[in-house]
């Protein structure tokens, strides 16, 4: 259930990717192409990290104002020709599975996640 005080929280999506064995390098290269596109679309990319305990797993963390913004931004991005004709297939080819988890966090918690898991381009 979403919190009642939305001024002090944001919706965070944690997308965990389980890769096919041996696809790590290809996945990271494809994400290097995809992340600038994701950011340019207006999505707030908080972190993209490799799992500390499962080396064939990666995590993409994004923050949104609410579920409506998440749906609108992702529908626009994932439905775009740039995505479909760009790095999409290279990423999909690397995936065994993925899981999305949504949770509400304070802006400070999001900034802590961001600062402790710096993206290489930051």
N, C-alpha and C. Protein backbone atom coordinates (compact mmCIF):
# COMPACT_ATOMS: atom_id res chain seq x y z
N UNK A 1 0.84 -1.18 0.00
CA UNK A 1 0.00 0.00 0.00
C UNK A 1 0.89 1.24 0.00
N UNK A 2 0.64 2.21 -0.88
CA UNK A 2 1.48 3.40 -0.92
C UNK A 2 1.32 4.23 0.34
N UNK A 3 2.37 4.89 0.75
CA UNK A 3 2.29 5.74 1.93
C UNK A 3 1.38 6.94 1.67
N UNK A 4 0.87 7.52 2.75
CA UNK A 4 -0.02 8.66 2.60
C UNK A 4 0.73 9.97 2.42
N UNK A 5 1.95 10.06 2.90
CA UNK A 5 2.73 11.29 2.78
C UNK A 5 3.72 11.17 1.62
N UNK A 6 3.24 11.42 0.41
CA UNK A 6 4.08 11.23 -0.78
C UNK A 6 5.15 12.29 -0.95
N UNK A 7 5.08 13.37 -0.18
CA UNK A 7 6.12 14.39 -0.29
C UNK A 7 7.45 13.89 0.26
N UNK A 8 7.39 12.88 1.12
CA UNK A 8 8.61 12.42 1.77
C UNK A 8 9.07 11.04 1.32
N UNK A 9 8.48 10.50 0.25
CA UNK A 9 8.89 9.19 -0.24
C UNK A 9 8.82 9.14 -1.76
N UNK A 10 9.56 8.19 -2.32
CA UNK A 10 9.50 7.91 -3.75
C UNK A 10 9.37 6.40 -3.94
N UNK A 11 8.81 6.03 -5.06
CA UNK A 11 8.67 4.61 -5.38
C UNK A 11 9.95 4.14 -6.05
N UNK A 12 10.55 3.11 -5.51
CA UNK A 12 11.80 2.58 -6.04
C UNK A 12 11.53 1.20 -6.63
N UNK A 13 12.02 1.01 -7.84
CA UNK A 13 11.94 -0.29 -8.51
C UNK A 13 13.34 -0.91 -8.48
N UNK A 14 13.41 -2.12 -7.96
CA UNK A 14 14.65 -2.89 -7.98
C UNK A 14 14.41 -4.02 -8.98
N UNK A 15 15.10 -3.94 -10.11
CA UNK A 15 14.97 -4.96 -11.15
C UNK A 15 16.23 -5.82 -11.11
N UNK A 16 16.05 -7.09 -10.77
CA UNK A 16 17.17 -8.02 -10.67
C UNK A 16 17.17 -8.91 -11.91
N UNK A 17 18.30 -8.94 -12.58
CA UNK A 17 18.46 -9.74 -13.79
C UNK A 17 19.28 -10.98 -13.46
N UNK A 18 18.76 -12.15 -13.78
CA UNK A 18 19.51 -13.40 -13.68
C UNK A 18 19.97 -13.74 -15.10
N UNK A 19 21.28 -13.77 -15.29
CA UNK A 19 21.83 -13.98 -16.63
C UNK A 19 22.02 -15.45 -16.95
N UNK A 20 22.04 -15.72 -18.24
CA UNK A 20 22.45 -17.04 -18.70
C UNK A 20 23.93 -17.19 -18.37
N UNK A 21 24.39 -18.38 -18.03
CA UNK A 21 25.80 -18.56 -17.71
C UNK A 21 26.71 -18.06 -18.84
N UNK A 22 27.75 -17.32 -18.44
CA UNK A 22 28.73 -16.84 -19.40
C UNK A 22 28.33 -15.61 -20.19
N UNK A 23 27.23 -14.96 -19.85
CA UNK A 23 26.75 -13.81 -20.61
C UNK A 23 27.03 -12.46 -19.93
N UNK A 24 27.80 -12.47 -18.85
CA UNK A 24 28.04 -11.24 -18.09
C UNK A 24 28.65 -10.11 -18.89
N UNK A 25 29.72 -10.38 -19.63
CA UNK A 25 30.39 -9.32 -20.39
C UNK A 25 29.47 -8.74 -21.46
N UNK A 26 28.74 -9.59 -22.15
CA UNK A 26 27.81 -9.11 -23.18
C UNK A 26 26.70 -8.27 -22.57
N UNK A 27 26.21 -8.70 -21.40
CA UNK A 27 25.14 -7.96 -20.73
C UNK A 27 25.63 -6.57 -20.31
N UNK A 28 26.79 -6.51 -19.70
CA UNK A 28 27.34 -5.22 -19.25
C UNK A 28 27.56 -4.29 -20.44
N UNK A 29 28.06 -4.82 -21.55
CA UNK A 29 28.26 -3.99 -22.75
C UNK A 29 26.92 -3.47 -23.28
N UNK A 30 25.90 -4.31 -23.29
CA UNK A 30 24.58 -3.88 -23.77
C UNK A 30 23.98 -2.84 -22.82
N UNK A 31 24.18 -3.01 -21.51
CA UNK A 31 23.67 -2.03 -20.55
C UNK A 31 24.41 -0.70 -20.68
N UNK A 32 25.68 -0.74 -21.06
CA UNK A 32 26.42 0.50 -21.28
C UNK A 32 25.77 1.31 -22.40
N UNK A 33 25.20 0.63 -23.39
CA UNK A 33 24.46 1.30 -24.45
C UNK A 33 23.07 1.73 -23.99
N UNK A 34 22.45 0.92 -23.16
CA UNK A 34 21.06 1.17 -22.75
C UNK A 34 20.92 2.25 -21.69
N UNK A 35 21.81 2.30 -20.71
CA UNK A 35 21.64 3.23 -19.60
C UNK A 35 21.55 4.70 -20.02
N UNK A 36 22.37 5.18 -20.94
CA UNK A 36 22.19 6.58 -21.37
C UNK A 36 20.82 6.83 -21.99
N UNK A 37 20.29 5.84 -22.69
CA UNK A 37 18.95 5.97 -23.27
C UNK A 37 17.89 6.03 -22.17
N UNK A 38 18.05 5.19 -21.16
CA UNK A 38 17.10 5.17 -20.04
C UNK A 38 17.10 6.52 -19.35
N UNK A 39 18.28 7.03 -19.06
CA UNK A 39 18.39 8.35 -18.41
C UNK A 39 17.81 9.45 -19.29
N UNK A 40 18.13 9.42 -20.57
CA UNK A 40 17.65 10.47 -21.49
C UNK A 40 16.13 10.47 -21.59
N UNK A 41 15.50 9.33 -21.31
CA UNK A 41 14.04 9.25 -21.36
C UNK A 41 13.39 9.89 -20.13
N UNK A 42 14.20 10.25 -19.14
CA UNK A 42 13.68 10.90 -17.95
C UNK A 42 13.63 10.02 -16.71
N UNK A 43 13.97 8.74 -16.85
CA UNK A 43 13.95 7.87 -15.67
C UNK A 43 15.17 8.15 -14.80
N UNK A 44 14.95 8.12 -13.49
CA UNK A 44 16.01 8.35 -12.51
C UNK A 44 16.70 7.02 -12.21
N UNK A 45 17.86 6.81 -12.81
CA UNK A 45 18.64 5.59 -12.56
C UNK A 45 19.47 5.83 -11.29
N UNK A 46 19.14 5.09 -10.26
CA UNK A 46 19.81 5.23 -8.97
C UNK A 46 21.10 4.42 -8.96
N UNK A 47 21.04 3.19 -9.47
CA UNK A 47 22.23 2.33 -9.46
C UNK A 47 22.06 1.19 -10.47
N UNK A 48 23.19 0.73 -10.95
CA UNK A 48 23.28 -0.51 -11.74
C UNK A 48 24.50 -1.24 -11.21
N UNK A 49 24.27 -2.39 -10.57
CA UNK A 49 25.36 -3.09 -9.89
C UNK A 49 25.29 -4.59 -10.13
N UNK A 50 26.46 -5.20 -10.02
CA UNK A 50 26.55 -6.66 -10.03
C UNK A 50 26.30 -7.15 -8.62
N UNK A 51 25.60 -8.26 -8.50
CA UNK A 51 25.33 -8.84 -7.19
C UNK A 51 26.65 -9.20 -6.51
N UNK A 52 26.72 -8.94 -5.23
CA UNK A 52 27.92 -9.28 -4.46
C UNK A 52 28.03 -10.78 -4.22
N UNK A 53 26.93 -11.51 -4.31
CA UNK A 53 26.97 -12.94 -3.96
C UNK A 53 26.57 -13.86 -5.10
N UNK A 54 25.94 -13.36 -6.14
CA UNK A 54 25.58 -14.17 -7.30
C UNK A 54 26.14 -13.49 -8.54
N UNK A 55 27.25 -13.99 -9.03
CA UNK A 55 27.98 -13.29 -10.08
C UNK A 55 27.27 -13.27 -11.43
N UNK A 56 26.24 -14.05 -11.60
CA UNK A 56 25.47 -14.00 -12.85
C UNK A 56 24.20 -13.17 -12.66
N UNK A 57 24.18 -12.31 -11.62
CA UNK A 57 23.03 -11.46 -11.35
C UNK A 57 23.46 -10.00 -11.28
N UNK A 58 22.61 -9.14 -11.85
CA UNK A 58 22.81 -7.70 -11.82
C UNK A 58 21.52 -7.04 -11.37
N UNK A 59 21.64 -5.82 -10.88
CA UNK A 59 20.49 -5.12 -10.34
C UNK A 59 20.45 -3.70 -10.91
N UNK A 60 19.29 -3.30 -11.41
CA UNK A 60 19.03 -1.94 -11.88
C UNK A 60 18.02 -1.33 -10.92
N UNK A 61 18.37 -0.19 -10.33
CA UNK A 61 17.49 0.48 -9.38
C UNK A 61 17.09 1.83 -9.96
N UNK A 62 15.78 2.07 -10.03
CA UNK A 62 15.26 3.34 -10.54
C UNK A 62 14.25 3.90 -9.54
N UNK A 63 14.11 5.22 -9.51
CA UNK A 63 13.18 5.89 -8.59
C UNK A 63 12.16 6.70 -9.38
N UNK A 64 10.94 6.71 -8.85
CA UNK A 64 9.81 7.39 -9.49
C UNK A 64 8.99 8.12 -8.43
N UNK A 65 8.20 9.08 -8.86
CA UNK A 65 7.31 9.79 -7.94
C UNK A 65 6.23 8.86 -7.41
N UNK A 66 5.72 7.99 -8.29
CA UNK A 66 4.63 7.07 -7.92
C UNK A 66 4.49 6.00 -9.00
N UNK A 67 3.56 5.11 -8.81
CA UNK A 67 3.37 4.01 -9.76
C UNK A 67 2.91 4.52 -11.13
N UNK A 68 2.11 5.56 -11.13
CA UNK A 68 1.65 6.13 -12.40
C UNK A 68 2.82 6.63 -13.24
N UNK A 69 3.78 7.30 -12.60
CA UNK A 69 4.95 7.78 -13.33
C UNK A 69 5.79 6.60 -13.83
N UNK A 70 5.95 5.58 -13.00
CA UNK A 70 6.69 4.38 -13.42
C UNK A 70 6.07 3.81 -14.69
N UNK A 71 4.76 3.60 -14.67
CA UNK A 71 4.08 3.01 -15.82
C UNK A 71 4.21 3.89 -17.06
N UNK A 72 3.98 5.19 -16.90
CA UNK A 72 4.05 6.10 -18.04
C UNK A 72 5.45 6.14 -18.65
N UNK A 73 6.47 6.29 -17.80
CA UNK A 73 7.84 6.38 -18.31
C UNK A 73 8.29 5.07 -18.93
N UNK A 74 7.99 3.95 -18.29
CA UNK A 74 8.43 2.67 -18.84
C UNK A 74 7.67 2.31 -20.11
N UNK A 75 6.37 2.59 -20.15
CA UNK A 75 5.61 2.32 -21.38
C UNK A 75 6.16 3.12 -22.54
N UNK A 76 6.46 4.40 -22.30
CA UNK A 76 7.00 5.25 -23.37
C UNK A 76 8.37 4.75 -23.81
N UNK A 77 9.23 4.42 -22.86
CA UNK A 77 10.58 3.99 -23.21
C UNK A 77 10.59 2.63 -23.89
N UNK A 78 9.98 1.63 -23.25
CA UNK A 78 10.05 0.28 -23.79
C UNK A 78 9.21 0.09 -25.05
N UNK A 79 8.33 1.04 -25.33
CA UNK A 79 7.56 1.00 -26.57
C UNK A 79 8.19 1.79 -27.70
N UNK A 80 9.31 2.46 -27.42
CA UNK A 80 9.94 3.32 -28.42
C UNK A 80 10.72 2.53 -29.47
N UNK A 81 10.78 3.08 -30.67
CA UNK A 81 11.59 2.47 -31.73
C UNK A 81 13.06 2.45 -31.36
N UNK A 82 13.53 3.51 -30.68
CA UNK A 82 14.95 3.57 -30.29
C UNK A 82 15.32 2.38 -29.42
N UNK A 83 14.45 2.00 -28.49
CA UNK A 83 14.71 0.85 -27.63
C UNK A 83 14.59 -0.45 -28.40
N UNK A 84 13.51 -0.59 -29.13
CA UNK A 84 13.25 -1.85 -29.85
C UNK A 84 14.29 -2.12 -30.93
N UNK A 85 14.78 -1.08 -31.56
CA UNK A 85 15.79 -1.25 -32.61
C UNK A 85 17.20 -1.06 -32.09
N UNK A 86 17.31 -0.71 -30.80
CA UNK A 86 18.62 -0.48 -30.18
C UNK A 86 19.10 -1.69 -29.40
N UNK A 87 19.47 -1.48 -28.12
CA UNK A 87 20.10 -2.56 -27.35
C UNK A 87 19.16 -3.62 -26.79
N UNK A 88 17.87 -3.50 -27.03
CA UNK A 88 16.90 -4.42 -26.44
C UNK A 88 17.25 -5.89 -26.67
N UNK A 89 17.43 -6.27 -27.93
CA UNK A 89 17.64 -7.69 -28.23
C UNK A 89 18.94 -8.22 -27.63
N UNK A 90 19.98 -7.39 -27.63
CA UNK A 90 21.25 -7.82 -27.03
C UNK A 90 21.07 -8.10 -25.54
N UNK A 91 20.26 -7.29 -24.86
CA UNK A 91 19.99 -7.53 -23.44
C UNK A 91 19.13 -8.77 -23.23
N UNK A 92 18.05 -8.87 -23.97
CA UNK A 92 17.14 -10.01 -23.83
C UNK A 92 17.87 -11.33 -24.07
N UNK A 93 18.78 -11.35 -25.02
CA UNK A 93 19.52 -12.57 -25.33
C UNK A 93 20.38 -13.05 -24.16
N UNK A 94 20.71 -12.17 -23.24
CA UNK A 94 21.54 -12.51 -22.09
C UNK A 94 20.74 -13.01 -20.89
N UNK A 95 19.43 -12.79 -20.90
CA UNK A 95 18.63 -13.04 -19.70
C UNK A 95 18.12 -14.47 -19.59
N UNK A 96 18.26 -14.98 -18.39
CA UNK A 96 17.60 -16.23 -18.03
C UNK A 96 16.25 -15.89 -17.40
N UNK A 97 16.24 -14.82 -16.58
CA UNK A 97 15.02 -14.39 -15.90
C UNK A 97 15.27 -13.01 -15.30
N UNK A 98 14.18 -12.34 -14.90
CA UNK A 98 14.33 -11.11 -14.13
C UNK A 98 13.15 -10.97 -13.19
N UNK A 99 13.33 -10.15 -12.16
CA UNK A 99 12.32 -9.95 -11.14
C UNK A 99 12.29 -8.47 -10.78
N UNK A 100 11.09 -7.89 -10.70
CA UNK A 100 10.92 -6.51 -10.26
C UNK A 100 10.36 -6.50 -8.85
N UNK A 101 10.91 -5.62 -8.02
CA UNK A 101 10.41 -5.40 -6.68
C UNK A 101 10.20 -3.90 -6.51
N UNK A 102 9.04 -3.50 -5.99
CA UNK A 102 8.74 -2.09 -5.76
C UNK A 102 8.67 -1.83 -4.26
N UNK A 103 9.26 -0.71 -3.84
CA UNK A 103 9.19 -0.32 -2.44
C UNK A 103 9.26 1.20 -2.34
N UNK A 104 8.74 1.72 -1.26
CA UNK A 104 8.75 3.16 -1.02
C UNK A 104 9.93 3.50 -0.12
N UNK A 105 10.70 4.52 -0.53
CA UNK A 105 11.86 4.95 0.25
C UNK A 105 11.90 6.47 0.35
N UNK A 106 12.54 6.94 1.39
CA UNK A 106 12.73 8.38 1.55
C UNK A 106 13.77 8.87 0.54
N UNK A 107 13.72 10.14 0.19
CA UNK A 107 14.75 10.68 -0.71
C UNK A 107 16.17 10.46 -0.18
N UNK A 108 16.36 10.56 1.13
CA UNK A 108 17.69 10.34 1.71
C UNK A 108 18.14 8.90 1.52
N UNK A 109 17.24 7.95 1.68
CA UNK A 109 17.59 6.54 1.46
C UNK A 109 17.99 6.30 0.02
N UNK A 110 17.29 6.94 -0.90
CA UNK A 110 17.62 6.81 -2.32
C UNK A 110 18.99 7.40 -2.60
N UNK A 111 19.28 8.55 -2.02
CA UNK A 111 20.59 9.16 -2.22
C UNK A 111 21.70 8.32 -1.61
N UNK A 112 21.43 7.68 -0.48
CA UNK A 112 22.40 6.76 0.12
C UNK A 112 22.67 5.58 -0.82
N UNK A 113 21.62 5.01 -1.40
CA UNK A 113 21.80 3.93 -2.39
C UNK A 113 22.65 4.42 -3.56
N UNK A 114 22.33 5.61 -4.04
CA UNK A 114 23.04 6.17 -5.19
C UNK A 114 24.53 6.37 -4.88
N UNK A 115 24.83 6.95 -3.73
CA UNK A 115 26.22 7.28 -3.41
C UNK A 115 27.06 6.04 -3.09
N UNK A 116 26.44 5.01 -2.54
CA UNK A 116 27.18 3.80 -2.18
C UNK A 116 27.33 2.82 -3.34
N UNK A 117 26.61 3.07 -4.41
CA UNK A 117 26.63 2.18 -5.58
C UNK A 117 26.81 3.01 -6.84
N UNK A 118 27.85 3.80 -6.88
CA UNK A 118 28.08 4.74 -7.98
C UNK A 118 28.14 4.02 -9.31
N UNK A 119 27.46 4.60 -10.29
CA UNK A 119 27.57 4.11 -11.66
C UNK A 119 28.92 4.54 -12.21
N UNK A 120 29.49 3.74 -13.08
CA UNK A 120 30.82 4.04 -13.61
C UNK A 120 30.88 5.37 -14.34
N UNK A 121 29.77 5.81 -14.92
CA UNK A 121 29.76 7.07 -15.68
C UNK A 121 29.51 8.28 -14.80
N UNK A 122 29.24 8.07 -13.51
CA UNK A 122 28.95 9.19 -12.61
C UNK A 122 30.23 9.82 -12.10
